[in-house]
Structure formats: C-alpha cells, structure tokens
Amino acid sequence: MLSWDDPLGLESARKEQSKEAPAEPMVVEQALDALREEESKHSGTEQKPPEGPPSMEPVHAEDKRVVNGLTDINQLAPFKYPWAWEFFLNANKNHWTPVDINMTQDVQDYQHRLTPEQRHVYENVLAYLTTSDVLAMRNIGLAVMEKMTAPELQIYQARQVYEEALHTWTYQHCIETIGLDQGEIYNRYRVVPEINRKIQITNRRLHSILRADIDLNDRDELTNFVMSYMFFAAVFEGCWFYNGFSPIFALQRQGLMKGTAEQLQYIMRDEVLHCAFGIRVVKQIFTENRITLDPAAIRQMWDEAEAAESDYARYILPRPIIGYSAENHVEQFRHTANRRARQLGLEEPFPGARNALPWLDEQANLRKEKNFFETRVTEYQTGGALSWS
C-alpha cells in the first residue's frame, strides 16, 4: 500500500529487496578493492590527496579568467564579468511555461485549416527542434559549464540549461496537444537525411569537447573548444535556431498556429540571450588567451552550416507556402550569419546577403499587450515587459 511518506513505494521495495538479498559486506569490500586496483592500472599512478591546506588568500576580480582560472570557483563576487550577472538577471525576467499559452485554436488550425504543405512544414520544424534543444542543453550543461572558472558565468549557464529543457518541454507540449504521433515525430531526425545532417554536424562539435581528458591548457584543445563554443553560439543558436523559427512565424502571419508561434517568440528571446552571451564569452577567451583562429576552419564552419541549412530548407519547403519559400529561408540564414560574424569581429561569410525576412527580428522585440499569466497566483515578469533593443 502506498503512503504520503512513500508515494512511489520506494522504501517498501527496498525492504523487500533487502529480504531477498542480504548485504554481504565482505563481497562489497572485495569489489571496491578490485575496482580501485583496476583504476590504478589504467591511470598508471596512485591517487594522492591534495598537498597542504587550501589557500586562504582572498579572491581578486582581476585574477579571474573564463577558462583555466585559479581563483576560488565557489566565490561569486567580486565580479570580473558583471555583464554575465546582468545576463542572468535579464534571463529571469523572460519567465514562462508552455502550459500558460492557449493552444485550442492551433488544434483546429492543424486539423481543418492547414494545407498538406503547411502541415509538412509545421511537423518537420518541430521534429528538428525537439532534438536540437536537447543537444543545446547537453552542450552547455555537460561540455561547457564545468570548464568555466568564473562562477558568474556558470550561474547564467545554469539558467541556460534550464531554458533548453523548458524549450524541449514546449515542443513536446505542442506535439502532444496537436495530437501528432510522438514516436514518429521524434524519430524523424534519425530517418530524414536533411534533418539528420544538421544533428550530426552538431553532435560532432559536441563530442569533440565532451571528453573527460580534455586539457584547455593545451593550445590545440583550447582552440578546438573555442571553435565548438563559437559554433553553438553563432551558428547553432544564432543562425539555425534564430532562422529555424521563421517558418512557424510565417504561418502566424497568415493567422495560423498562433499559439505555437507565441511559444516560439518566448523561446526566441531566450535564444537571443544565449547567442549574445556565447559570443561575448568567446571574444573574452580570444582576449585572455590571445587566440587567433584558422580562417580556413572558420570558412569551413560557415560553408558546412549553409549547405546543411540549404538541404533542410528544400526538404521542409519543396514548394513555397504563402509568404515563405526555401530561397527566403537560405538567404535569411546568410544574412544572419553575416551579423553573427560581425558580432564576433570576423569577416562576413556571405557578403551582400539580403535581409529576406525583415519581419523576423520583430518576433523577439514584439511587446505584448495580453497578459498570459493573469490567471496565475504568482505574477511573472514576461518577455513583453522587457526591452530587447
């Protein structure tokens, strides 16, 4: 029988398990000894405790560094990077959840108003985004955040990890509310080559820095880390995500799928901050470590991203929908890529690219007159209350 003290029945299960398999202290100790011996063989040296007591020197802001810093990571202030703290404060003002937004009309639109071409666009944009935000979460939470050696950077990135999880919840909420086949939608990245290609490019960058043995004191490793972080900030979130919401916004401009579009507007505001923060961190690493990246490697990054985006655009938009085409999508990617490159202080990869979707930036800057949270007990500060200039 379940109880309020043990609602999942975990304690009773443990008791039953202990009856069936009594503890064997000697067996456990032997297993631990064998494990220690095996670890010692692989490491080649025995683990030694740290020598001497911890330093009692006070932390000075000027001694902090983005990576490879030696100051106490547990002491937040004094700040060396006050802008990172401002990012954290600003991110908390764009607070929302997907269940706060009415999706009733979206269900009607999908079932009765969308054309087959529009359904194809809607489904595949969600199919790509569901997997992508999981990758974004793993990148920051597992590969990047633990390498930061200034806590003000880590604190914003902790918020970013939460936001990536929230975005994943949002896409799942849309898929479930509309009544799509979740197994089929979530597996499209594995079976649709045009979606899979973008995921594999991202996976390659992630796995190159998601290693326990990475040493950022090594110049080659540090350069690779910066290239990966720059890819996620400027390409993955700054271009692929920023541009990736635009097909849904095109439907919204036709009076369709407005609930989904409202949710993507809040996500887009988060992504604008993620991109800006990542670019700021990368430039700080440039300065602190005097890194100069290989122009050929940067060129290859942009070209590979553009080729993948072009294939993806042609897949989701084999024929134009009202107000949107594959050509619009690709040209807007190039235009946005030029903007990200300028923000990084790099040469524009696609000179002359035009702003094919001049209304896209408005989606992040739109001020809301409607309060979606008016029925909540807690008063949230929503994105509509913020200045995104």
Protein backbone atom coordinates (compact mmCIF):
# COMPACT_ATOMS: atom_id res chain seq x y z
CA MET A 1 0.00 0.00 0.00
CA LEU A 2 1.26 3.47 -0.88
CA SER A 3 1.54 6.24 1.69
CA TRP A 4 2.08 10.01 1.61
CA ASP A 5 5.51 9.44 3.20
CA ASP A 6 6.48 6.98 0.46
CA PRO A 7 4.17 7.77 -2.53
CA LEU A 8 6.20 5.76 -5.03
CA GLY A 9 6.60 2.74 -2.77
CA LEU A 10 10.38 3.01 -2.88
CA GLU A 11 11.01 2.27 0.79
CA SER A 12 8.87 -0.87 0.78
CA ALA A 13 10.60 -2.03 -2.39
CA ARG A 14 13.97 -1.56 -0.73
CA LYS A 15 12.84 -3.58 2.27
CA GLU A 16 11.64 -6.40 0.07
CA GLN A 17 14.89 -6.33 -1.85
CA SER A 18 16.91 -6.46 1.36
CA LYS A 19 14.98 -9.56 2.47
CA GLU A 20 15.75 -11.35 -0.77
CA ALA A 21 19.41 -10.30 -0.97
CA PRO A 22 21.00 -9.64 2.43
CA ALA A 23 24.02 -7.39 2.36
CA GLU A 24 27.41 -9.04 2.10
CA PRO A 25 29.94 -6.52 3.48
CA MET A 26 32.97 -8.63 2.56
CA VAL A 27 31.77 -9.03 -1.04
CA VAL A 28 31.23 -5.29 -1.35
CA GLU A 29 34.67 -4.52 0.07
CA GLN A 30 36.31 -7.00 -2.27
CA ALA A 31 34.54 -5.46 -5.24
CA LEU A 32 35.65 -1.98 -4.22
CA ASP A 33 39.25 -3.18 -3.79
CA ALA A 34 39.17 -4.72 -7.27
CA LEU A 35 37.75 -1.51 -8.73
CA ARG A 36 40.48 0.59 -7.09
CA GLU A 37 43.14 -1.78 -8.38
CA GLU A 38 41.71 -1.60 -11.91
CA GLU A 39 41.60 2.21 -11.83
CA SER A 40 45.20 2.30 -10.61
CA LYS A 41 46.30 0.13 -13.55
CA HIS A 42 44.66 2.47 -16.07
CA SER A 43 45.93 5.67 -14.50
CA GLY A 44 49.48 4.39 -14.09
CA THR A 45 49.82 6.29 -10.80
CA GLU A 46 48.16 6.05 -7.45
CA GLN A 47 45.76 8.78 -6.48
CA LYS A 48 47.32 11.19 -3.98
CA PRO A 49 45.45 13.55 -1.68
CA PRO A 50 45.97 17.26 -2.33
CA GLU A 51 49.06 18.59 -0.59
CA GLY A 52 48.76 21.21 2.13
CA PRO A 53 45.72 23.16 3.36
CA PRO A 54 43.51 25.11 0.91
CA SER A 55 44.64 28.64 0.11
CA MET A 56 43.29 31.33 2.43
CA GLU A 57 44.12 34.17 0.06
CA PRO A 58 41.18 36.47 -0.80
CA VAL A 59 39.78 36.38 -4.34
CA HIS A 60 40.58 39.39 -6.50
CA ALA A 61 38.36 40.09 -9.50
CA GLU A 62 41.33 40.81 -11.77
CA ASP A 63 42.65 37.27 -11.19
CA LYS A 64 39.55 35.57 -12.62
CA ARG A 65 39.55 34.02 -16.08
CA VAL A 66 36.88 32.46 -18.29
CA VAL A 67 38.82 29.18 -18.53
CA ASN A 68 41.98 27.92 -16.81
CA GLY A 69 41.46 30.30 -13.90
CA LEU A 70 42.96 29.57 -10.49
CA THR A 71 40.66 31.57 -8.22
CA ASP A 72 38.00 30.00 -5.98
CA ILE A 73 35.15 28.92 -8.25
CA ASN A 74 32.77 28.94 -5.26
CA GLN A 75 33.07 32.69 -4.61
CA LEU A 76 30.69 34.70 -6.78
CA ALA A 77 31.81 38.25 -6.02
CA PRO A 78 33.70 40.44 -6.63
CA PHE A 79 32.68 40.17 -10.30
CA LYS A 80 35.16 40.32 -13.10
CA TYR A 81 32.36 39.81 -15.61
CA PRO A 82 29.41 41.86 -14.33
CA TRP A 83 27.82 41.57 -17.77
CA ALA A 84 27.38 37.82 -17.12
CA TRP A 85 25.38 38.58 -13.97
CA GLU A 86 23.25 41.02 -15.97
CA PHE A 87 22.52 38.24 -18.48
CA PHE A 88 21.33 36.06 -15.60
CA LEU A 89 19.06 38.79 -14.19
CA ASN A 90 17.63 39.57 -17.62
CA ALA A 91 17.01 35.90 -18.42
CA ASN A 92 14.89 35.53 -15.29
CA LYS A 93 12.58 38.31 -16.49
CA ASN A 94 11.55 36.21 -19.51
CA HIS A 95 9.83 33.64 -17.31
CA TRP A 96 7.10 31.45 -18.80
CA THR A 97 5.93 27.87 -19.29
CA PRO A 98 4.20 26.34 -22.33
CA VAL A 99 1.00 25.49 -20.46
CA ASP A 100 0.36 29.21 -19.93
CA ILE A 101 -0.43 29.71 -23.62
CA ASN A 102 -3.72 28.69 -25.18
CA MET A 103 -3.33 26.08 -27.94
CA THR A 104 -7.03 25.46 -28.62
CA GLN A 105 -7.06 27.30 -31.94
CA ASP A 106 -3.87 25.54 -33.06
CA VAL A 107 -5.64 22.18 -32.82
CA GLN A 108 -8.43 23.50 -35.05
CA ASP A 109 -5.95 25.06 -37.47
CA TYR A 110 -3.90 21.90 -37.83
CA GLN A 111 -6.92 19.64 -38.35
CA HIS A 112 -9.05 21.88 -40.55
CA ARG A 113 -7.13 24.86 -41.97
CA LEU A 114 -3.54 23.87 -42.77
CA THR A 115 -2.75 22.62 -46.25
CA PRO A 116 -0.66 19.43 -46.62
CA GLU A 117 2.37 21.64 -47.42
CA GLN A 118 1.83 23.70 -44.27
CA ARG A 119 1.45 20.55 -42.14
CA HIS A 120 4.72 19.26 -43.61
CA VAL A 121 6.48 22.48 -42.60
CA TYR A 122 4.98 22.52 -39.10
CA GLU A 123 5.76 18.89 -38.29
CA ASN A 124 9.33 18.94 -39.55
CA VAL A 125 10.26 22.20 -37.84
CA LEU A 126 9.14 20.63 -34.55
CA ALA A 127 10.92 17.37 -35.42
CA TYR A 128 14.20 19.24 -35.85
CA LEU A 129 13.80 21.49 -32.81
CA THR A 130 12.90 18.68 -30.38
CA THR A 131 16.29 17.03 -30.82
CA SER A 132 18.26 20.25 -31.25
CA ASP A 133 17.37 21.74 -27.89
CA VAL A 134 18.40 18.52 -26.14
CA LEU A 135 21.80 18.92 -27.81
CA ALA A 136 21.96 22.56 -26.74
CA MET A 137 21.19 21.52 -23.15
CA ARG A 138 23.88 18.81 -23.16
CA ASN A 139 26.44 21.15 -24.69
CA ILE A 140 26.10 23.84 -22.02
CA GLY A 141 25.37 21.54 -19.08
CA LEU A 142 27.92 18.80 -19.74
CA ALA A 143 30.60 20.14 -22.07
CA VAL A 144 30.89 23.88 -21.44
CA MET A 145 29.70 24.90 -17.99
CA GLU A 146 32.14 22.78 -15.98
CA LYS A 147 35.07 24.32 -17.87
CA MET A 148 34.15 27.86 -16.83
CA THR A 149 36.30 29.11 -13.93
CA ALA A 150 34.29 32.21 -13.00
CA PRO A 151 31.03 31.49 -11.13
CA GLU A 152 29.13 34.43 -12.63
CA LEU A 153 29.49 32.68 -16.00
CA GLN A 154 28.36 29.34 -14.63
CA ILE A 155 25.30 30.83 -12.96
CA TYR A 156 23.94 32.23 -16.21
CA GLN A 157 24.74 28.94 -17.95
CA ALA A 158 22.82 27.06 -15.26
CA ARG A 159 19.82 29.18 -16.18
CA GLN A 160 20.52 28.43 -19.83
CA VAL A 161 20.43 24.68 -19.16
CA TYR A 162 17.01 25.11 -17.56
CA GLU A 163 15.80 27.15 -20.53
CA GLU A 164 16.91 24.49 -23.03
CA ALA A 165 14.94 21.92 -21.02
CA LEU A 166 11.96 24.30 -20.99
CA HIS A 167 12.18 24.67 -24.78
CA THR A 168 12.21 20.89 -25.17
CA TRP A 169 9.10 20.73 -22.99
CA THR A 170 7.47 23.36 -25.20
CA TYR A 171 7.97 21.38 -28.41
CA GLN A 172 6.74 18.22 -26.70
CA HIS A 173 3.71 20.13 -25.42
CA CYS A 174 2.90 21.32 -28.96
CA ILE A 175 3.32 17.83 -30.41
CA GLU A 176 1.16 16.26 -27.72
CA THR A 177 -1.53 18.97 -27.84
CA ILE A 178 -1.87 18.81 -31.61
CA GLY A 179 -2.12 15.02 -31.38
CA LEU A 180 0.89 14.12 -33.50
CA ASP A 181 2.48 10.68 -33.36
CA GLN A 182 5.29 11.34 -30.87
CA GLY A 183 7.34 8.29 -31.79
CA GLU A 184 7.24 9.19 -35.47
CA ILE A 185 8.00 12.90 -34.97
CA TYR A 186 10.85 12.32 -32.51
CA ASN A 187 12.44 9.74 -34.79
CA ARG A 188 12.48 11.92 -37.89
CA TYR A 189 15.95 13.19 -37.10
CA ARG A 190 17.12 9.60 -37.43
CA VAL A 191 15.38 8.82 -40.72
CA VAL A 192 15.19 12.14 -42.60
CA PRO A 193 18.67 12.81 -44.04
CA GLU A 194 18.18 16.57 -44.24
CA ILE A 195 17.39 16.79 -40.53
CA ASN A 196 19.95 14.17 -39.56
CA ARG A 197 22.76 16.06 -41.31
CA LYS A 198 22.31 19.12 -39.09
CA ILE A 199 22.13 16.94 -35.99
CA GLN A 200 25.30 15.04 -36.93
CA ILE A 201 27.26 18.25 -37.54
CA THR A 202 26.20 19.42 -34.08
CA ASN A 203 26.98 16.07 -32.48
CA ARG A 204 30.48 16.15 -33.93
CA ARG A 205 31.17 19.53 -32.35
CA LEU A 206 29.71 18.43 -29.02
CA HIS A 207 31.62 15.16 -28.81
CA SER A 208 34.91 16.87 -29.64
CA ILE A 209 34.79 18.67 -26.27
CA LEU A 210 32.65 16.25 -24.23
CA ARG A 211 35.70 14.34 -23.01
CA ALA A 212 36.99 13.73 -19.51
CA ASP A 213 40.63 14.04 -20.62
CA ILE A 214 40.34 17.46 -22.27
CA ASP A 215 43.06 19.89 -21.15
CA LEU A 216 42.39 23.52 -22.01
CA ASN A 217 45.96 24.45 -21.11
CA ASP A 218 46.85 22.74 -24.39
CA ARG A 219 46.59 25.34 -27.17
CA ASP A 220 45.13 22.90 -29.69
CA GLU A 221 42.50 21.71 -27.22
CA LEU A 222 41.63 25.28 -26.28
CA THR A 223 41.32 26.29 -29.92
CA ASN A 224 39.01 23.35 -30.58
CA PHE A 225 36.93 24.27 -27.51
CA VAL A 226 36.57 27.84 -28.75
CA MET A 227 35.58 26.64 -32.23
CA SER A 228 32.93 24.37 -30.74
CA TYR A 229 31.58 27.06 -28.40
CA MET A 230 31.53 29.54 -31.29
CA PHE A 231 29.64 27.05 -33.47
CA PHE A 232 26.94 26.56 -30.82
CA ALA A 233 26.59 30.27 -30.06
CA ALA A 234 26.86 31.79 -33.54
CA VAL A 235 25.68 29.02 -35.89
CA PHE A 236 23.54 26.56 -33.95
CA GLU A 237 21.63 29.02 -31.77
CA GLY A 238 22.47 32.28 -33.52
CA CYS A 239 21.51 31.14 -37.04
CA TRP A 240 19.91 27.69 -37.19
CA PHE A 241 17.58 28.34 -34.24
CA TYR A 242 17.00 32.03 -34.94
CA ASN A 243 16.21 31.28 -38.58
CA GLY A 244 14.55 27.98 -37.75
CA PHE A 245 11.51 29.52 -36.08
CA SER A 246 10.68 31.65 -39.13
CA PRO A 247 8.52 29.05 -40.97
CA ILE A 248 6.17 28.91 -37.96
CA PHE A 249 6.13 32.71 -37.78
CA ALA A 250 5.20 32.71 -41.48
CA LEU A 251 2.14 30.61 -40.60
CA GLN A 252 1.36 33.02 -37.76
CA ARG A 253 1.40 35.90 -40.23
CA GLN A 254 -1.41 34.10 -42.08
CA GLY A 255 -3.42 33.82 -38.87
CA LEU A 256 -2.45 30.16 -38.34
CA MET A 257 -0.87 28.24 -35.43
CA LYS A 258 -0.71 31.38 -33.33
CA GLY A 259 -0.35 29.55 -30.01
CA THR A 260 2.73 27.68 -31.23
CA ALA A 261 4.14 30.91 -32.61
CA GLU A 262 3.60 32.69 -29.28
CA GLN A 263 5.64 30.00 -27.54
CA LEU A 264 8.40 30.25 -30.12
CA GLN A 265 8.52 34.01 -29.55
CA TYR A 266 9.39 33.39 -25.91
CA ILE A 267 11.95 30.77 -26.94
CA MET A 268 13.45 33.16 -29.46
CA ARG A 269 14.00 35.75 -26.73
CA ASP A 270 15.93 33.14 -24.75
CA GLU A 271 17.97 32.19 -27.80
CA VAL A 272 18.88 35.82 -28.47
CA LEU A 273 20.42 35.93 -24.99
CA HIS A 274 22.13 32.55 -25.41
CA CYS A 275 23.70 33.68 -28.66
CA ALA A 276 24.81 37.06 -27.32
CA PHE A 277 26.25 35.52 -24.15
CA GLY A 278 28.14 32.84 -26.06
CA ILE A 279 29.64 35.35 -28.45
CA ARG A 280 30.68 37.56 -25.52
CA VAL A 281 32.38 34.59 -23.81
CA VAL A 282 34.19 33.54 -26.99
CA LYS A 283 35.52 37.06 -27.51
CA GLN A 284 36.66 37.15 -23.87
CA ILE A 285 38.57 33.90 -24.40
CA PHE A 286 40.15 35.42 -27.50
CA THR A 287 41.38 38.35 -25.41
CA GLU A 288 42.56 36.44 -22.35
CA ASN A 289 44.37 33.70 -24.26
CA ARG A 290 45.48 35.62 -27.37
CA ILE A 291 43.90 33.05 -29.66
CA THR A 292 43.79 33.54 -33.42
CA LEU A 293 41.56 31.05 -35.19
CA ASP A 294 42.39 29.48 -38.54
CA PRO A 295 40.44 31.40 -41.24
CA ALA A 296 40.10 28.19 -43.26
CA ALA A 297 38.46 26.42 -40.30
CA ILE A 298 36.02 29.30 -39.85
CA ARG A 299 35.23 29.32 -43.56
CA GLN A 300 34.57 25.58 -43.48
CA MET A 301 32.25 26.03 -40.48
CA TRP A 302 30.09 28.57 -42.32
CA ASP A 303 30.06 26.64 -45.61
CA GLU A 304 29.11 23.37 -43.95
CA ALA A 305 26.35 25.11 -41.99
CA GLU A 306 24.98 26.82 -45.09
CA ALA A 307 24.98 23.60 -47.13
CA ALA A 308 23.11 21.74 -44.40
CA GLU A 309 20.62 24.59 -43.99
CA SER A 310 20.02 24.70 -47.75
CA ASP A 311 19.22 20.97 -47.88
CA TYR A 312 16.96 21.32 -44.85
CA ALA A 313 15.11 24.29 -46.39
CA ARG A 314 14.48 22.41 -49.62
CA TYR A 315 13.15 19.45 -47.64
CA ILE A 316 10.70 21.36 -45.45
CA LEU A 317 9.68 23.71 -48.30
CA PRO A 318 9.68 21.68 -51.55
CA ARG A 319 7.04 24.16 -52.68
CA PRO A 320 6.54 27.66 -51.23
CA ILE A 321 3.80 28.33 -48.75
CA ILE A 322 2.15 31.74 -48.66
CA GLY A 323 4.78 34.33 -47.81
CA TYR A 324 7.67 31.88 -47.45
CA SER A 325 10.00 29.79 -49.62
CA ALA A 326 13.21 27.77 -49.38
CA GLU A 327 15.04 30.64 -51.11
CA ASN A 328 13.82 33.08 -48.42
CA HIS A 329 14.99 30.69 -45.72
CA VAL A 330 18.50 30.24 -47.10
CA GLU A 331 19.02 33.91 -47.89
CA GLN A 332 17.94 34.84 -44.36
CA PHE A 333 20.42 32.32 -42.97
CA ARG A 334 23.22 34.02 -44.92
CA HIS A 335 22.12 37.46 -43.75
CA THR A 336 22.01 36.31 -40.12
CA ALA A 337 25.39 34.56 -40.46
CA ASN A 338 26.92 37.86 -41.58
CA ARG A 339 25.50 39.54 -38.47
CA ARG A 340 26.92 36.88 -36.16
CA ALA A 341 30.33 37.10 -37.82
CA ARG A 342 30.40 40.88 -37.34
CA GLN A 343 29.48 40.43 -33.68
CA LEU A 344 32.45 38.08 -33.33
CA GLY A 345 34.75 40.54 -35.06
CA LEU A 346 35.17 38.17 -38.02
CA GLU A 347 34.86 38.63 -41.76
CA GLU A 348 31.35 38.28 -43.19
CA PRO A 349 30.99 34.81 -44.75
CA PHE A 350 28.29 35.79 -47.27
CA PRO A 351 28.86 39.40 -48.39
CA GLY A 352 25.83 41.03 -49.93
CA ALA A 353 23.24 38.64 -48.45
CA ARG A 354 19.95 40.48 -48.16
CA ASN A 355 17.51 40.61 -45.28
CA ALA A 356 14.88 38.37 -46.90
CA LEU A 357 12.60 38.35 -43.83
CA PRO A 358 12.64 41.90 -42.44
CA TRP A 359 9.82 40.98 -40.05
CA LEU A 360 11.84 38.24 -38.31
CA ASP A 361 13.59 40.49 -35.78
CA GLU A 362 10.20 41.82 -34.71
CA GLN A 363 9.38 38.41 -33.24
CA ALA A 364 11.96 38.92 -30.50
CA ASN A 365 11.15 42.60 -30.00
CA LEU A 366 7.35 42.36 -30.00
CA ARG A 367 5.76 43.90 -26.91
CA LYS A 368 2.72 42.06 -25.58
CA GLU A 369 -0.47 43.78 -24.53
CA LYS A 370 -2.03 40.49 -23.47
CA ASN A 371 -1.00 39.02 -20.12
CA PHE A 372 -0.90 35.24 -20.49
CA PHE A 373 -0.17 34.83 -16.80
CA GLU A 374 -3.10 36.78 -15.36
CA THR A 375 -4.75 33.64 -14.01
CA ARG A 376 -1.62 32.54 -12.14
CA VAL A 377 -1.20 33.15 -8.41
CA THR A 378 2.43 34.13 -8.98
CA GLU A 379 2.95 37.30 -11.01
CA TYR A 380 5.58 36.57 -13.64
CA GLN A 381 7.65 39.14 -15.49
CA THR A 382 7.16 38.10 -19.07
CA GLY A 383 9.10 38.89 -22.21
CA GLY A 384 6.51 41.53 -23.05
CA ALA A 385 7.74 43.62 -20.15
CA LEU A 386 11.32 43.68 -21.38
CA SER A 387 13.31 45.89 -23.70
CA TRP A 388 15.12 43.78 -26.30
CA SER A 389 16.94 46.56 -28.14
